Amino acid sequence: MSAPHIVTVIGYFSISSENAAAFRENCAAMVALHDKEPGHLATAYGFCSDGTAVSREDYDSAEAVQRHMQLGSHIFESTQALVQITGVELHGPAEEIDRLRDLFSAMSPRCFVTEYGFRR
């Protein structure tokens, strides 16, 4: 059985109530970058009433993730001042995850190698 060639980055955040609106503005700014990123397949942000949030970003390659991080670095820097990053996960083919280890090393990501799945 095959698995889809998708690289997914999932981020978990804790947000204080005074930073919630500014964080949402940053989320909207990151989503707006998609027009400049052909390998950026999807992004979604979800929020919980307890002040936590999650982001999910899908890409066609590690290179697309790296381009996104470069293009949105100023937004990400601002985001780090607004939230506590409580977790990061990388999902995808082993060779793509290996290309991202250095980029995400400071966040101590959990890495999951995709073995089964499909994409329509």
C-alpha atoms as a PDB file:
ATOM      1  CA  MET A   1       0.000   0.000   0.000  1.00  0.00           C
ATOM      2  CA  SER A   2       1.236   3.477  -0.749  1.00  0.00           C
ATOM      3  CA  ALA A   3       1.098   6.706   1.213  1.00  0.00           C
ATOM      4  CA  PRO A   4       0.504  10.235  -0.075  1.00  0.00           C
ATOM      5  CA  HIS A   5       3.552  12.415  -0.580  1.00  0.00           C
ATOM      6  CA  ILE A   6       2.413  15.191   1.759  1.00  0.00           C
ATOM      7  CA  VAL A   7       4.411  16.972   4.441  1.00  0.00           C
ATOM      8  CA  THR A   8       2.295  18.148   7.352  1.00  0.00           C
ATOM      9  CA  VAL A   9       3.387  20.529  10.095  1.00  0.00           C
ATOM     10  CA  ILE A  10       1.171  20.704  13.183  1.00  0.00           C
ATOM     11  CA  GLY A  11       1.743  23.333  15.838  1.00  0.00           C
ATOM     12  CA  TYR A  12       0.180  23.544  19.289  1.00  0.00           C
ATOM     13  CA  PHE A  13      -0.105  26.867  21.107  1.00  0.00           C
ATOM     14  CA  SER A  14      -1.151  28.338  24.434  1.00  0.00           C
ATOM     15  CA  ILE A  15      -2.447  31.897  24.104  1.00  0.00           C
ATOM     16  CA  SER A  16      -3.124  34.429  26.832  1.00  0.00           C
ATOM     17  CA  SER A  17      -6.419  36.273  26.430  1.00  0.00           C
ATOM     18  CA  GLU A  18      -4.662  39.615  25.921  1.00  0.00           C
ATOM     19  CA  ASN A  19      -2.768  38.202  22.909  1.00  0.00           C
ATOM     20  CA  ALA A  20      -5.644  36.275  21.323  1.00  0.00           C
ATOM     21  CA  ALA A  21      -6.681  38.975  18.832  1.00  0.00           C
ATOM     22  CA  ALA A  22      -3.100  39.671  17.724  1.00  0.00           C
ATOM     23  CA  PHE A  23      -2.450  35.938  17.295  1.00  0.00           C
ATOM     24  CA  ARG A  24      -5.557  35.625  15.102  1.00  0.00           C
ATOM     25  CA  GLU A  25      -4.277  38.518  12.971  1.00  0.00           C
ATOM     26  CA  ASN A  26      -0.986  36.632  12.527  1.00  0.00           C
ATOM     27  CA  CYS A  27      -2.905  33.484  11.555  1.00  0.00           C
ATOM     28  CA  ALA A  28      -4.771  35.449   8.869  1.00  0.00           C
ATOM     29  CA  ALA A  29      -1.474  36.915   7.623  1.00  0.00           C
ATOM     30  CA  MET A  30       0.089  33.447   7.348  1.00  0.00           C
ATOM     31  CA  VAL A  31      -2.932  32.142   5.427  1.00  0.00           C
ATOM     32  CA  ALA A  32      -2.681  35.115   3.059  1.00  0.00           C
ATOM     33  CA  LEU A  33       0.814  33.977   2.028  1.00  0.00           C
ATOM     34  CA  HIS A  34      -0.621  30.957   0.186  1.00  0.00           C
ATOM     35  CA  ASP A  35      -0.936  32.889  -3.082  1.00  0.00           C
ATOM     36  CA  LYS A  36       2.856  33.190  -3.133  1.00  0.00           C
ATOM     37  CA  GLU A  37       3.457  29.511  -2.313  1.00  0.00           C
ATOM     38  CA  PRO A  38       2.648  26.990  -5.037  1.00  0.00           C
ATOM     39  CA  GLY A  39       3.671  24.008  -2.882  1.00  0.00           C
ATOM     40  CA  HIS A  40       1.515  25.074   0.073  1.00  0.00           C
ATOM     41  CA  LEU A  41      -1.533  22.805  -0.184  1.00  0.00           C
ATOM     42  CA  ALA A  42      -3.620  23.766   2.854  1.00  0.00           C
ATOM     43  CA  THR A  43      -3.576  25.518   6.216  1.00  0.00           C
ATOM     44  CA  ALA A  44      -6.110  25.583   9.025  1.00  0.00           C
ATOM     45  CA  TYR A  45      -6.116  27.090  12.516  1.00  0.00           C
ATOM     46  CA  GLY A  46      -8.398  25.832  15.262  1.00  0.00           C
ATOM     47  CA  PHE A  47      -9.125  27.422  18.623  1.00  0.00           C
ATOM     48  CA  CYS A  48     -10.354  26.005  21.920  1.00  0.00           C
ATOM     49  CA  SER A  49     -12.169  27.925  24.655  1.00  0.00           C
ATOM     50  CA  ASP A  50      -9.336  27.144  27.105  1.00  0.00           C
ATOM     51  CA  GLY A  51      -6.860  29.454  25.316  1.00  0.00           C
ATOM     52  CA  THR A  52      -5.158  26.807  23.225  1.00  0.00           C
ATOM     53  CA  ALA A  53      -4.907  26.600  19.462  1.00  0.00           C
ATOM     54  CA  VAL A  54      -3.620  24.246  16.812  1.00  0.00           C
ATOM     55  CA  SER A  55      -2.351  24.848  13.290  1.00  0.00           C
ATOM     56  CA  ARG A  56      -2.147  22.314  10.494  1.00  0.00           C
ATOM     57  CA  GLU A  57      -0.223  23.019   7.324  1.00  0.00           C
ATOM     58  CA  ASP A  58       0.105  20.652   4.349  1.00  0.00           C
ATOM     59  CA  TYR A  59       2.840  20.953   1.727  1.00  0.00           C
ATOM     60  CA  ASP A  60       3.998  18.975  -1.279  1.00  0.00           C
ATOM     61  CA  SER A  61       7.643  18.860  -0.096  1.00  0.00           C
ATOM     62  CA  ALA A  62      10.139  19.874   2.575  1.00  0.00           C
ATOM     63  CA  GLU A  63      11.311  22.612   0.210  1.00  0.00           C
ATOM     64  CA  ALA A  64       7.804  24.119   0.239  1.00  0.00           C
ATOM     65  CA  VAL A  65       7.890  24.142   4.060  1.00  0.00           C
ATOM     66  CA  GLN A  66      11.279  25.863   3.995  1.00  0.00           C
ATOM     67  CA  ARG A  67       9.992  28.504   1.516  1.00  0.00           C
ATOM     68  CA  HIS A  68       6.979  29.134   3.745  1.00  0.00           C
ATOM     69  CA  MET A  69       9.155  29.589   6.818  1.00  0.00           C
ATOM     70  CA  GLN A  70      11.379  32.057   4.945  1.00  0.00           C
ATOM     71  CA  LEU A  71       8.476  33.998   3.444  1.00  0.00           C
ATOM     72  CA  GLY A  72       6.606  34.199   6.750  1.00  0.00           C
ATOM     73  CA  SER A  73       9.587  34.527   9.095  1.00  0.00           C
ATOM     74  CA  HIS A  74       8.586  38.038  10.210  1.00  0.00           C
ATOM     75  CA  ILE A  75       5.082  36.793  11.103  1.00  0.00           C
ATOM     76  CA  PHE A  76       6.472  33.749  12.910  1.00  0.00           C
ATOM     77  CA  GLU A  77       8.819  35.935  14.972  1.00  0.00           C
ATOM     78  CA  SER A  78       5.865  38.076  16.031  1.00  0.00           C
ATOM     79  CA  THR A  79       3.829  34.962  16.819  1.00  0.00           C
ATOM     80  CA  GLN A  80       6.536  33.618  19.126  1.00  0.00           C
ATOM     81  CA  ALA A  81       6.181  36.794  21.225  1.00  0.00           C
ATOM     82  CA  LEU A  82       2.405  36.277  21.510  1.00  0.00           C
ATOM     83  CA  VAL A  83       2.081  32.588  22.349  1.00  0.00           C
ATOM     84  CA  GLN A  84       3.787  29.674  23.993  1.00  0.00           C
ATOM     85  CA  ILE A  85       4.488  26.918  21.474  1.00  0.00           C
ATOM     86  CA  THR A  86       3.567  23.764  23.369  1.00  0.00           C
ATOM     87  CA  GLY A  87       4.311  21.239  20.655  1.00  0.00           C
ATOM     88  CA  VAL A  88       5.265  20.679  17.039  1.00  0.00           C
ATOM     89  CA  GLU A  89       4.747  17.605  14.882  1.00  0.00           C
ATOM     90  CA  LEU A  90       6.173  16.809  11.464  1.00  0.00           C
ATOM     91  CA  HIS A  91       4.399  14.167   9.372  1.00  0.00           C
ATOM     92  CA  GLY A  92       5.478  12.850   5.998  1.00  0.00           C
ATOM     93  CA  PRO A  93       7.866  10.638   4.090  1.00  0.00           C
ATOM     94  CA  ALA A  94      11.112   9.924   5.954  1.00  0.00           C
ATOM     95  CA  GLU A  95      13.299  11.728   3.411  1.00  0.00           C
ATOM     96  CA  GLU A  96      11.181  14.896   3.665  1.00  0.00           C
ATOM     97  CA  ILE A  97      11.199  14.868   7.470  1.00  0.00           C
ATOM     98  CA  ASP A  98      14.977  14.433   7.442  1.00  0.00           C
ATOM     99  CA  ARG A  99      15.256  17.628   5.355  1.00  0.00           C
ATOM    100  CA  LEU A 100      13.310  19.545   8.022  1.00  0.00           C
ATOM    101  CA  ARG A 101      15.016  18.358  11.195  1.00  0.00           C
ATOM    102  CA  ASP A 102      17.516  21.224  11.377  1.00  0.00           C
ATOM    103  CA  LEU A 103      14.884  23.889  10.636  1.00  0.00           C
ATOM    104  CA  PHE A 104      12.655  22.710  13.481  1.00  0.00           C
ATOM    105  CA  SER A 105      15.313  21.431  15.919  1.00  0.00           C
ATOM    106  CA  ALA A 106      14.847  24.303  18.404  1.00  0.00           C
ATOM    107  CA  MET A 107      11.183  23.303  18.778  1.00  0.00           C
ATOM    108  CA  SER A 108      11.949  19.628  19.487  1.00  0.00           C
ATOM    109  CA  PRO A 109       9.358  18.294  17.053  1.00  0.00           C
ATOM    110  CA  ARG A 110       7.803  14.855  17.223  1.00  0.00           C
ATOM    111  CA  CYS A 111       8.345  13.241  13.824  1.00  0.00           C
ATOM    112  CA  PHE A 112       5.925  10.769  12.273  1.00  0.00           C
ATOM    113  CA  VAL A 113       6.817   8.863   9.094  1.00  0.00           C
ATOM    114  CA  THR A 114       3.740   8.363   6.947  1.00  0.00           C
ATOM    115  CA  GLU A 115       3.306   4.721   5.965  1.00  0.00           C
ATOM    116  CA  TYR A 116      -0.331   4.401   4.863  1.00  0.00           C
ATOM    117  CA  GLY A 117      -2.952   6.712   3.498  1.00  0.00           C
ATOM    118  CA  PHE A 118      -4.503   8.360   0.479  1.00  0.00           C
ATOM    119  CA  ARG A 119      -5.196  11.781  -0.948  1.00  0.00           C
ATOM    120  CA  ARG A 120      -7.945  12.696  -3.381  1.00  0.00           C
END
